Each structure stands twice: as C-alpha cells, then as structure tokens.
Amino acid sequence: RNLTDLTLLGNSLGGHVGLLYTFKHPDMVKRLLLTGSSG
C-alpha cells in the first residue's frame, strides 16, 4: 500500500505485533497506541 509515517494502533495481539514491527522499523512509525496489548 506504499504506506509511510505510520500512526500504529494495536489491540491485544495487534499491539504486540505493532511493537515488534516498531522495533524492526523505527523509521516507519511516528506514533504508537497500545490498548490491552500483549507482550
């Protein structure tokens, strides 16, 4: 989808996936929201 400058929102397992993605691609994620995140 050619996405950049992401605000990543993850619930539960989605928060966990979002965190791992952010560790790998810190340049891609500009803001992060976690709600009921695992991890």
PDB file of all heavy atoms in Angstrom:
ATOM      1  N   ARG A   1       0.827  -1.212   0.000  1.00  0.00           N
ATOM      2  CA  ARG A   1       0.000   0.000   0.000  1.00  0.00           C
ATOM      3  C   ARG A   1       0.865   1.269   0.000  1.00  0.00           C
ATOM      4  O   ARG A   1       0.333   2.372   0.021  1.00  0.00           O
ATOM      5  CB  ARG A   1      -0.945   0.022   1.219  1.00  0.00           C
ATOM      6  CG  ARG A   1      -1.975  -1.084   1.237  1.00  0.00           C
ATOM      7  CD  ARG A   1      -2.862  -1.093   0.006  1.00  0.00           C
ATOM      8  NE  ARG A   1      -3.722   0.073  -0.095  1.00  0.00           N
ATOM      9  CZ  ARG A   1      -4.222   0.558  -1.225  1.00  0.00           C
ATOM     10  NH1 ARG A   1      -3.928  -0.025  -2.369  1.00  0.00           N
ATOM     11  NH2 ARG A   1      -4.998   1.618  -1.222  1.00  0.00           N
ATOM     12  N   ASN A   2       2.195   1.072   0.003  1.00  0.00           N
ATOM     13  CA  ASN A   2       3.127   2.203  -0.038  1.00  0.00           C
ATOM     14  C   ASN A   2       2.860   3.196   1.100  1.00  0.00           C
ATOM     15  O   ASN A   2       2.757   4.404   0.897  1.00  0.00           O
ATOM     16  CB  ASN A   2       3.021   2.896  -1.415  1.00  0.00           C
ATOM     17  CG  ASN A   2       4.239   3.754  -1.691  1.00  0.00           C
ATOM     18  OD1 ASN A   2       5.292   3.576  -1.070  1.00  0.00           O
ATOM     19  ND2 ASN A   2       4.098   4.714  -2.590  1.00  0.00           N
ATOM     20  N   LEU A   3       2.733   2.659   2.318  1.00  0.00           N
ATOM     21  CA  LEU A   3       2.417   3.488   3.489  1.00  0.00           C
ATOM     22  C   LEU A   3       3.704   3.991   4.131  1.00  0.00           C
ATOM     23  O   LEU A   3       4.704   3.268   4.186  1.00  0.00           O
ATOM     24  CB  LEU A   3       1.625   2.664   4.515  1.00  0.00           C
ATOM     25  CG  LEU A   3       0.343   1.981   4.015  1.00  0.00           C
ATOM     26  CD1 LEU A   3      -0.247   1.095   5.105  1.00  0.00           C
ATOM     27  CD2 LEU A   3      -0.689   3.008   3.548  1.00  0.00           C
ATOM     28  N   THR A   4       3.669   5.230   4.634  1.00  0.00           N
ATOM     29  CA  THR A   4       4.819   5.775   5.376  1.00  0.00           C
ATOM     30  C   THR A   4       4.285   6.593   6.549  1.00  0.00           C
ATOM     31  O   THR A   4       3.082   6.832   6.650  1.00  0.00           O
ATOM     32  CB  THR A   4       5.675   6.711   4.486  1.00  0.00           C
ATOM     33  OG1 THR A   4       4.809   7.734   3.969  1.00  0.00           O
ATOM     34  CG2 THR A   4       6.334   5.970   3.343  1.00  0.00           C
ATOM     35  N   ASP A   5       5.196   7.046   7.417  1.00  0.00           N
ATOM     36  CA  ASP A   5       4.825   7.913   8.560  1.00  0.00           C
ATOM     37  C   ASP A   5       3.590   7.376   9.289  1.00  0.00           C
ATOM     38  O   ASP A   5       2.570   8.045   9.410  1.00  0.00           O
ATOM     39  CB  ASP A   5       4.559   9.353   8.078  1.00  0.00           C
ATOM     40  CG  ASP A   5       5.815  10.008   7.522  1.00  0.00           C
ATOM     41  OD1 ASP A   5       6.921   9.579   7.910  1.00  0.00           O
ATOM     42  OD2 ASP A   5       5.697  10.938   6.704  1.00  0.00           O
ATOM     43  N   LEU A   6       3.721   6.169   9.785  1.00  0.00           N
ATOM     44  CA  LEU A   6       2.564   5.474  10.353  1.00  0.00           C
ATOM     45  C   LEU A   6       2.261   5.918  11.777  1.00  0.00           C
ATOM     46  O   LEU A   6       3.160   6.117  12.585  1.00  0.00           O
ATOM     47  CB  LEU A   6       2.833   3.964  10.393  1.00  0.00           C
ATOM     48  CG  LEU A   6       3.197   3.277   9.081  1.00  0.00           C
ATOM     49  CD1 LEU A   6       3.558   1.821   9.340  1.00  0.00           C
ATOM     50  CD2 LEU A   6       2.041   3.380   8.091  1.00  0.00           C
ATOM     51  N   THR A   7       0.960   6.017  12.066  1.00  0.00           N
ATOM     52  CA  THR A   7       0.488   6.005  13.451  1.00  0.00           C
ATOM     53  C   THR A   7      -0.097   4.611  13.626  1.00  0.00           C
ATOM     54  O   THR A   7      -1.084   4.258  12.987  1.00  0.00           O
ATOM     55  CB  THR A   7      -0.591   7.074  13.681  1.00  0.00           C
ATOM     56  OG1 THR A   7      -0.027   8.355  13.393  1.00  0.00           O
ATOM     57  CG2 THR A   7      -1.079   7.047  15.123  1.00  0.00           C
ATOM     58  N   LEU A   8       0.557   3.805  14.465  1.00  0.00           N
ATOM     59  CA  LEU A   8       0.215   2.388  14.585  1.00  0.00           C
ATOM     60  C   LEU A   8      -0.652   2.185  15.818  1.00  0.00           C
ATOM     61  O   LEU A   8      -0.248   2.567  16.924  1.00  0.00           O
ATOM     62  CB  LEU A   8       1.528   1.609  14.715  1.00  0.00           C
ATOM     63  CG  LEU A   8       1.594   0.147  14.345  1.00  0.00           C
ATOM     64  CD1 LEU A   8       0.987  -0.116  12.982  1.00  0.00           C
ATOM     65  CD2 LEU A   8       3.045  -0.326  14.358  1.00  0.00           C
ATOM     66  N   LEU A   9      -1.845   1.601  15.652  1.00  0.00           N
ATOM     67  CA  LEU A   9      -2.755   1.333  16.763  1.00  0.00           C
ATOM     68  C   LEU A   9      -2.957  -0.164  16.861  1.00  0.00           C
ATOM     69  O   LEU A   9      -3.366  -0.791  15.878  1.00  0.00           O
ATOM     70  CB  LEU A   9      -4.126   1.982  16.533  1.00  0.00           C
ATOM     71  CG  LEU A   9      -4.275   3.492  16.658  1.00  0.00           C
ATOM     72  CD1 LEU A   9      -3.664   4.202  15.464  1.00  0.00           C
ATOM     73  CD2 LEU A   9      -5.752   3.865  16.734  1.00  0.00           C
ATOM     74  N   GLY A  10      -2.678  -0.745  18.020  1.00  0.00           N
ATOM     75  CA  GLY A  10      -2.840  -2.190  18.151  1.00  0.00           C
ATOM     76  C   GLY A  10      -3.602  -2.563  19.404  1.00  0.00           C
ATOM     77  O   GLY A  10      -3.332  -2.051  20.488  1.00  0.00           O
ATOM     78  N   ASN A  11      -4.566  -3.479  19.239  1.00  0.00           N
ATOM     79  CA  ASN A  11      -5.311  -4.016  20.377  1.00  0.00           C
ATOM     80  C   ASN A  11      -4.874  -5.454  20.619  1.00  0.00           C
ATOM     81  O   ASN A  11      -4.790  -6.250  19.689  1.00  0.00           O
ATOM     82  CB  ASN A  11      -6.819  -3.972  20.094  1.00  0.00           C
ATOM     83  CG  ASN A  11      -7.652  -4.718  21.139  1.00  0.00           C
ATOM     84  OD1 ASN A  11      -8.377  -5.645  20.832  1.00  0.00           O
ATOM     85  ND2 ASN A  11      -7.537  -4.310  22.379  1.00  0.00           N
ATOM     86  N   SER A  12      -4.582  -5.772  21.897  1.00  0.00           N
ATOM     87  CA  SER A  12      -4.290  -7.139  22.305  1.00  0.00           C
ATOM     88  C   SER A  12      -3.096  -7.686  21.511  1.00  0.00           C
ATOM     89  O   SER A  12      -2.028  -7.067  21.485  1.00  0.00           O
ATOM     90  CB  SER A  12      -5.558  -7.991  22.124  1.00  0.00           C
ATOM     91  OG  SER A  12      -5.461  -9.189  22.817  1.00  0.00           O
ATOM     92  N   LEU A  13      -3.266  -8.795  20.793  1.00  0.00           N
ATOM     93  CA  LEU A  13      -2.169  -9.350  19.983  1.00  0.00           C
ATOM     94  C   LEU A  13      -1.701  -8.341  18.925  1.00  0.00           C
ATOM     95  O   LEU A  13      -0.523  -8.291  18.577  1.00  0.00           O
ATOM     96  CB  LEU A  13      -2.630 -10.643  19.306  1.00  0.00           C
ATOM     97  CG  LEU A  13      -1.558 -11.329  18.465  1.00  0.00           C
ATOM     98  CD1 LEU A  13      -0.680 -12.219  19.348  1.00  0.00           C
ATOM     99  CD2 LEU A  13      -2.172 -12.149  17.338  1.00  0.00           C
ATOM    100  N   GLY A  14      -2.624  -7.516  18.421  1.00  0.00           N
ATOM    101  CA  GLY A  14      -2.263  -6.493  17.428  1.00  0.00           C
ATOM    102  C   GLY A  14      -1.276  -5.477  17.976  1.00  0.00           C
ATOM    103  O   GLY A  14      -0.413  -4.978  17.251  1.00  0.00           O
ATOM    104  N   GLY A  15      -1.394  -5.173  19.282  1.00  0.00           N
ATOM    105  CA  GLY A  15      -0.430  -4.277  19.923  1.00  0.00           C
ATOM    106  C   GLY A  15       0.952  -4.907  19.961  1.00  0.00           C
ATOM    107  O   GLY A  15       1.967  -4.253  19.719  1.00  0.00           O
ATOM    108  N   HIS A  16       0.983  -6.204  20.227  1.00  0.00           N
ATOM    109  CA  HIS A  16       2.228  -6.965  20.315  1.00  0.00           C
ATOM    110  C   HIS A  16       2.921  -6.987  18.944  1.00  0.00           C
ATOM    111  O   HIS A  16       4.137  -6.742  18.832  1.00  0.00           O
ATOM    112  CB  HIS A  16       1.871  -8.383  20.763  1.00  0.00           C
ATOM    113  CG  HIS A  16       2.979  -9.138  21.402  1.00  0.00           C
ATOM    114  ND1 HIS A  16       2.761 -10.256  22.169  1.00  0.00           N
ATOM    115  CD2 HIS A  16       4.330  -8.978  21.379  1.00  0.00           C
ATOM    116  CE1 HIS A  16       3.929 -10.739  22.596  1.00  0.00           C
ATOM    117  NE2 HIS A  16       4.891  -9.979  22.113  1.00  0.00           N
ATOM    118  N   VAL A  17       2.136  -7.263  17.900  1.00  0.00           N
ATOM    119  CA  VAL A  17       2.676  -7.262  16.524  1.00  0.00           C
ATOM    120  C   VAL A  17       3.181  -5.855  16.185  1.00  0.00           C
ATOM    121  O   VAL A  17       4.259  -5.682  15.592  1.00  0.00           O
ATOM    122  CB  VAL A  17       1.597  -7.727  15.510  1.00  0.00           C
ATOM    123  CG1 VAL A  17       2.072  -7.543  14.077  1.00  0.00           C
ATOM    124  CG2 VAL A  17       1.227  -9.190  15.759  1.00  0.00           C
ATOM    125  N   GLY A  18       2.412  -4.848  16.581  1.00  0.00           N
ATOM    126  CA  GLY A  18       2.808  -3.455  16.340  1.00  0.00           C
ATOM    127  C   GLY A  18       4.126  -3.100  17.010  1.00  0.00           C
ATOM    128  O   GLY A  18       4.971  -2.401  16.424  1.00  0.00           O
ATOM    129  N   LEU A  19       4.332  -3.594  18.223  1.00  0.00           N
ATOM    130  CA  LEU A  19       5.594  -3.340  18.934  1.00  0.00           C
ATOM    131  C   LEU A  19       6.777  -3.982  18.200  1.00  0.00           C
ATOM    132  O   LEU A  19       7.808  -3.348  17.994  1.00  0.00           O
ATOM    133  CB  LEU A  19       5.513  -3.885  20.367  1.00  0.00           C
ATOM    134  CG  LEU A  19       4.704  -3.041  21.350  1.00  0.00           C
ATOM    135  CD1 LEU A  19       4.359  -3.850  22.598  1.00  0.00           C
ATOM    136  CD2 LEU A  19       5.467  -1.763  21.739  1.00  0.00           C
ATOM    137  N   LEU A  20       6.607  -5.248  17.800  1.00  0.00           N
ATOM    138  CA  LEU A  20       7.703  -5.945  17.105  1.00  0.00           C
ATOM    139  C   LEU A  20       8.011  -5.258  15.768  1.00  0.00           C
ATOM    140  O   LEU A  20       9.173  -5.130  15.376  1.00  0.00           O
ATOM    141  CB  LEU A  20       7.348  -7.419  16.872  1.00  0.00           C
ATOM    142  CG  LEU A  20       7.145  -8.278  18.134  1.00  0.00           C
ATOM    143  CD1 LEU A  20       6.846  -9.727  17.757  1.00  0.00           C
ATOM    144  CD2 LEU A  20       8.349  -8.231  19.070  1.00  0.00           C
ATOM    145  N   TYR A  21       6.959  -4.783  15.084  1.00  0.00           N
ATOM    146  CA  TYR A  21       7.158  -4.058  13.826  1.00  0.00           C
ATOM    147  C   TYR A  21       7.929  -2.756  14.093  1.00  0.00           C
ATOM    148  O   TYR A  21       8.846  -2.397  13.347  1.00  0.00           O
ATOM    149  CB  TYR A  21       5.804  -3.763  13.170  1.00  0.00           C
ATOM    150  CG  TYR A  21       5.946  -2.988  11.874  1.00  0.00           C
ATOM    151  CD1 TYR A  21       6.148  -3.642  10.661  1.00  0.00           C
ATOM    152  CD2 TYR A  21       5.921  -1.588  11.867  1.00  0.00           C
ATOM    153  CE1 TYR A  21       6.313  -2.936   9.481  1.00  0.00           C
ATOM    154  CE2 TYR A  21       6.092  -0.872  10.684  1.00  0.00           C
ATOM    155  CZ  TYR A  21       6.286  -1.544   9.504  1.00  0.00           C
ATOM    156  OH  TYR A  21       6.465  -0.841   8.334  1.00  0.00           O
ATOM    157  N   THR A  22       7.574  -2.063  15.170  1.00  0.00           N
ATOM    158  CA  THR A  22       8.230  -0.787  15.514  1.00  0.00           C
ATOM    159  C   THR A  22       9.706  -0.999  15.848  1.00  0.00           C
ATOM    160  O   THR A  22      10.555  -0.197  15.456  1.00  0.00           O
ATOM    161  CB  THR A  22       7.489  -0.108  16.694  1.00  0.00           C
ATOM    162  OG1 THR A  22       6.112   0.046  16.336  1.00  0.00           O
ATOM    163  CG2 THR A  22       8.069   1.262  17.015  1.00  0.00           C
ATOM    164  N   PHE A  23      10.022  -2.086  16.562  1.00  0.00           N
ATOM    165  CA  PHE A  23      11.438  -2.376  16.857  1.00  0.00           C
ATOM    166  C   PHE A  23      12.225  -2.559  15.556  1.00  0.00           C
ATOM    167  O   PHE A  23      13.363  -2.120  15.441  1.00  0.00           O
ATOM    168  CB  PHE A  23      11.594  -3.663  17.690  1.00  0.00           C
ATOM    169  CG  PHE A  23      10.957  -3.622  19.057  1.00  0.00           C
ATOM    170  CD1 PHE A  23      10.439  -4.782  19.626  1.00  0.00           C
ATOM    171  CD2 PHE A  23      10.874  -2.436  19.780  1.00  0.00           C
ATOM    172  CE1 PHE A  23       9.858  -4.763  20.884  1.00  0.00           C
ATOM    173  CE2 PHE A  23      10.293  -2.409  21.043  1.00  0.00           C
ATOM    174  CZ  PHE A  23       9.778  -3.575  21.603  1.00  0.00           C
ATOM    175  N   LYS A  24      11.597  -3.230  14.574  1.00  0.00           N
ATOM    176  CA  LYS A  24      12.298  -3.520  13.311  1.00  0.00           C
ATOM    177  C   LYS A  24      12.357  -2.318  12.376  1.00  0.00           C
ATOM    178  O   LYS A  24      13.284  -2.200  11.584  1.00  0.00           O
ATOM    179  CB  LYS A  24      11.575  -4.666  12.567  1.00  0.00           C
ATOM    180  CG  LYS A  24      11.974  -6.048  13.027  1.00  0.00           C
ATOM    181  CD  LYS A  24      11.352  -7.125  12.142  1.00  0.00           C
ATOM    182  CE  LYS A  24      12.155  -7.376  10.867  1.00  0.00           C
ATOM    183  NZ  LYS A  24      11.590  -8.525  10.104  1.00  0.00           N
ATOM    184  N   HIS A  25      11.343  -1.462  12.465  1.00  0.00           N
ATOM    185  CA  HIS A  25      11.229  -0.343  11.507  1.00  0.00           C
ATOM    186  C   HIS A  25      10.963   0.976  12.230  1.00  0.00           C
ATOM    187  O   HIS A  25       9.922   1.601  12.019  1.00  0.00           O
ATOM    188  CB  HIS A  25      10.094  -0.621  10.502  1.00  0.00           C
ATOM    189  CG  HIS A  25      10.246  -1.910   9.773  1.00  0.00           C
ATOM    190  ND1 HIS A  25      11.111  -2.055   8.699  1.00  0.00           N
ATOM    191  CD2 HIS A  25       9.678  -3.127   9.976  1.00  0.00           C
ATOM    192  CE1 HIS A  25      11.042  -3.315   8.269  1.00  0.00           C
ATOM    193  NE2 HIS A  25      10.191  -3.981   9.027  1.00  0.00           N
ATOM    194  N   PRO A  26      11.899   1.401  13.075  1.00  0.00           N
ATOM    195  CA  PRO A  26      11.645   2.611  13.860  1.00  0.00           C
ATOM    196  C   PRO A  26      11.432   3.848  12.986  1.00  0.00           C
ATOM    197  O   PRO A  26      10.735   4.776  13.387  1.00  0.00           O
ATOM    198  CB  PRO A  26      12.902   2.752  14.725  1.00  0.00           C
ATOM    199  CG  PRO A  26      13.933   1.897  14.086  1.00  0.00           C
ATOM    200  CD  PRO A  26      13.206   0.790  13.378  1.00  0.00           C
ATOM    201  N   ASP A  27      11.992   3.827  11.780  1.00  0.00           N
ATOM    202  CA  ASP A  27      11.842   4.978  10.872  1.00  0.00           C
ATOM    203  C   ASP A  27      10.437   5.073  10.289  1.00  0.00           C
ATOM    204  O   ASP A  27      10.030   6.139   9.813  1.00  0.00           O
ATOM    205  CB  ASP A  27      12.856   4.854   9.721  1.00  0.00           C
ATOM    206  CG  ASP A  27      12.761   3.491   9.026  1.00  0.00           C
ATOM    207  OD1 ASP A  27      12.581   2.469   9.734  1.00  0.00           O
ATOM    208  OD2 ASP A  27      12.831   3.436   7.785  1.00  0.00           O
ATOM    209  N   MET A  28       9.688   3.966  10.304  1.00  0.00           N
ATOM    210  CA  MET A  28       8.352   3.944   9.677  1.00  0.00           C
ATOM    211  C   MET A  28       7.247   4.409  10.625  1.00  0.00           C
ATOM    212  O   MET A  28       6.185   4.838  10.196  1.00  0.00           O
ATOM    213  CB  MET A  28       8.005   2.517   9.227  1.00  0.00           C
ATOM    214  CG  MET A  28       8.881   1.977   8.126  1.00  0.00           C
ATOM    215  SD  MET A  28       8.570   2.809   6.550  1.00  0.00           S
ATOM    216  CE  MET A  28       6.985   2.109   6.104  1.00  0.00           C
ATOM    217  N   VAL A  29       7.489   4.257  11.934  1.00  0.00           N
ATOM    218  CA  VAL A  29       6.422   4.508  12.921  1.00  0.00           C
ATOM    219  C   VAL A  29       6.670   5.839  13.620  1.00  0.00           C
ATOM    220  O   VAL A  29       7.715   6.032  14.231  1.00  0.00           O
ATOM    221  CB  VAL A  29       6.354   3.345  13.947  1.00  0.00           C
ATOM    222  CG1 VAL A  29       5.276   3.603  14.991  1.00  0.00           C
ATOM    223  CG2 VAL A  29       6.098   2.016  13.230  1.00  0.00           C
ATOM    224  N   LYS A  30       5.696   6.734  13.523  1.00  0.00           N
ATOM    225  CA  LYS A  30       5.839   8.076  14.118  1.00  0.00           C
ATOM    226  C   LYS A  30       5.085   8.215  15.430  1.00  0.00           C
ATOM    227  O   LYS A  30       5.401   9.067  16.256  1.00  0.00           O
ATOM    228  CB  LYS A  30       5.317   9.149  13.139  1.00  0.00           C
ATOM    229  CG  LYS A  30       6.005   9.144  11.777  1.00  0.00           C
ATOM    230  CD  LYS A  30       7.494   9.425  11.885  1.00  0.00           C
ATOM    231  CE  LYS A  30       8.152   9.471  10.508  1.00  0.00           C
ATOM    232  NZ  LYS A  30       9.598   9.449  10.594  1.00  0.00           N
ATOM    233  N   ARG A  31       4.026   7.409  15.593  1.00  0.00           N
ATOM    234  CA  ARG A  31       3.236   7.436  16.824  1.00  0.00           C
ATOM    235  C   ARG A  31       2.695   6.031  17.056  1.00  0.00           C
ATOM    236  O   ARG A  31       2.456   5.289  16.102  1.00  0.00           O
ATOM    237  CB  ARG A  31       2.051   8.413  16.704  1.00  0.00           C
ATOM    238  CG  ARG A  31       2.439   9.860  16.521  1.00  0.00           C
ATOM    239  CD  ARG A  31       1.241  10.805  16.389  1.00  0.00           C
ATOM    240  NE  ARG A  31       0.506  10.600  15.147  1.00  0.00           N
ATOM    241  CZ  ARG A  31      -0.294  11.527  14.591  1.00  0.00           C
ATOM    242  NH1 ARG A  31      -0.453  12.720  15.188  1.00  0.00           N
ATOM    243  NH2 ARG A  31      -0.933  11.271  13.467  1.00  0.00           N
ATOM    244  N   LEU A  32       2.485   5.706  18.340  1.00  0.00           N
ATOM    245  CA  LEU A  32       2.083   4.346  18.694  1.00  0.00           C
ATOM    246  C   LEU A  32       0.958   4.407  19.717  1.00  0.00           C
ATOM    247  O   LEU A  32       1.030   5.196  20.663  1.00  0.00           O
ATOM    248  CB  LEU A  32       3.306   3.635  19.281  1.00  0.00           C
ATOM    249  CG  LEU A  32       3.249   2.148  19.590  1.00  0.00           C
ATOM    250  CD1 LEU A  32       2.957   1.318  18.333  1.00  0.00           C
ATOM    251  CD2 LEU A  32       4.577   1.695  20.213  1.00  0.00           C
ATOM    252  N   LEU A  33      -0.075   3.593  19.505  1.00  0.00           N
ATOM    253  CA  LEU A  33      -1.129   3.462  20.513  1.00  0.00           C
ATOM    254  C   LEU A  33      -1.318   1.991  20.839  1.00  0.00           C
ATOM    255  O   LEU A  33      -1.468   1.165  19.932  1.00  0.00           O
ATOM    256  CB  LEU A  33      -2.452   4.037  20.002  1.00  0.00           C
ATOM    257  CG  LEU A  33      -3.604   3.777  20.999  1.00  0.00           C
ATOM    258  CD1 LEU A  33      -4.463   5.003  21.212  1.00  0.00           C
ATOM    259  CD2 LEU A  33      -4.481   2.604  20.578  1.00  0.00           C
ATOM    260  N   LEU A  34      -1.272   1.670  22.120  1.00  0.00           N
ATOM    261  CA  LEU A  34      -1.497   0.300  22.565  1.00  0.00           C
ATOM    262  C   LEU A  34      -2.730   0.271  23.453  1.00  0.00           C
ATOM    263  O   LEU A  34      -2.891   1.123  24.329  1.00  0.00           O
ATOM    264  CB  LEU A  34      -0.293  -0.213  23.371  1.00  0.00           C
ATOM    265  CG  LEU A  34       1.075  -0.168  22.681  1.00  0.00           C
ATOM    266  CD1 LEU A  34       2.168  -0.566  23.663  1.00  0.00           C
ATOM    267  CD2 LEU A  34       1.100  -1.082  21.449  1.00  0.00           C
ATOM    268  N   THR A  35      -3.599  -0.703  23.217  1.00  0.00           N
ATOM    269  CA  THR A  35      -4.773  -0.860  24.072  1.00  0.00           C
ATOM    270  C   THR A  35      -4.940  -2.344  24.377  1.00  0.00           C
ATOM    271  O   THR A  35      -5.039  -3.168  23.471  1.00  0.00           O
ATOM    272  CB  THR A  35      -6.029  -0.218  23.420  1.00  0.00           C
ATOM    273  OG1 THR A  35      -7.136  -0.398  24.283  1.00  0.00           O
ATOM    274  CG2 THR A  35      -6.350  -0.772  22.040  1.00  0.00           C
ATOM    275  N   GLY A  36      -4.855  -2.705  25.665  1.00  0.00           N
ATOM    276  CA  GLY A  36      -4.930  -4.114  26.053  1.00  0.00           C
ATOM    277  C   GLY A  36      -3.881  -4.965  25.355  1.00  0.00           C
ATOM    278  O   GLY A  36      -4.125  -6.111  24.999  1.00  0.00           O
ATOM    279  N   SER A  37      -2.675  -4.408  25.178  1.00  0.00           N
ATOM    280  CA  SER A  37      -1.660  -5.102  24.378  1.00  0.00           C
ATOM    281  C   SER A  37      -1.043  -6.273  25.140  1.00  0.00           C
ATOM    282  O   SER A  37      -0.773  -6.185  26.334  1.00  0.00           O
ATOM    283  CB  SER A  37      -0.546  -4.115  24.001  1.00  0.00           C
ATOM    284  OG  SER A  37       0.447  -4.780  23.254  1.00  0.00           O
ATOM    285  N   SER A  38      -0.789  -7.348  24.412  1.00  0.00           N
ATOM    286  CA  SER A  38       0.032  -8.421  24.977  1.00  0.00           C
ATOM    287  C   SER A  38       1.494  -8.040  24.743  1.00  0.00           C
ATOM    288  O   SER A  38       1.792  -7.025  24.139  1.00  0.00           O
ATOM    289  CB  SER A  38      -0.317  -9.769  24.349  1.00  0.00           C
ATOM    290  OG  SER A  38      -0.153  -9.755  22.951  1.00  0.00           O
ATOM    291  N   GLY A  39       2.402  -8.856  25.257  1.00  0.00           N
ATOM    292  CA  GLY A  39       3.819  -8.551  25.085  1.00  0.00           C
ATOM    293  C   GLY A  39       4.572  -8.555  26.403  1.00  0.00           C
ATOM    294  O   GLY A  39       5.768  -8.839  26.447  1.00  0.00           O
TER     295      GLY A  39
END
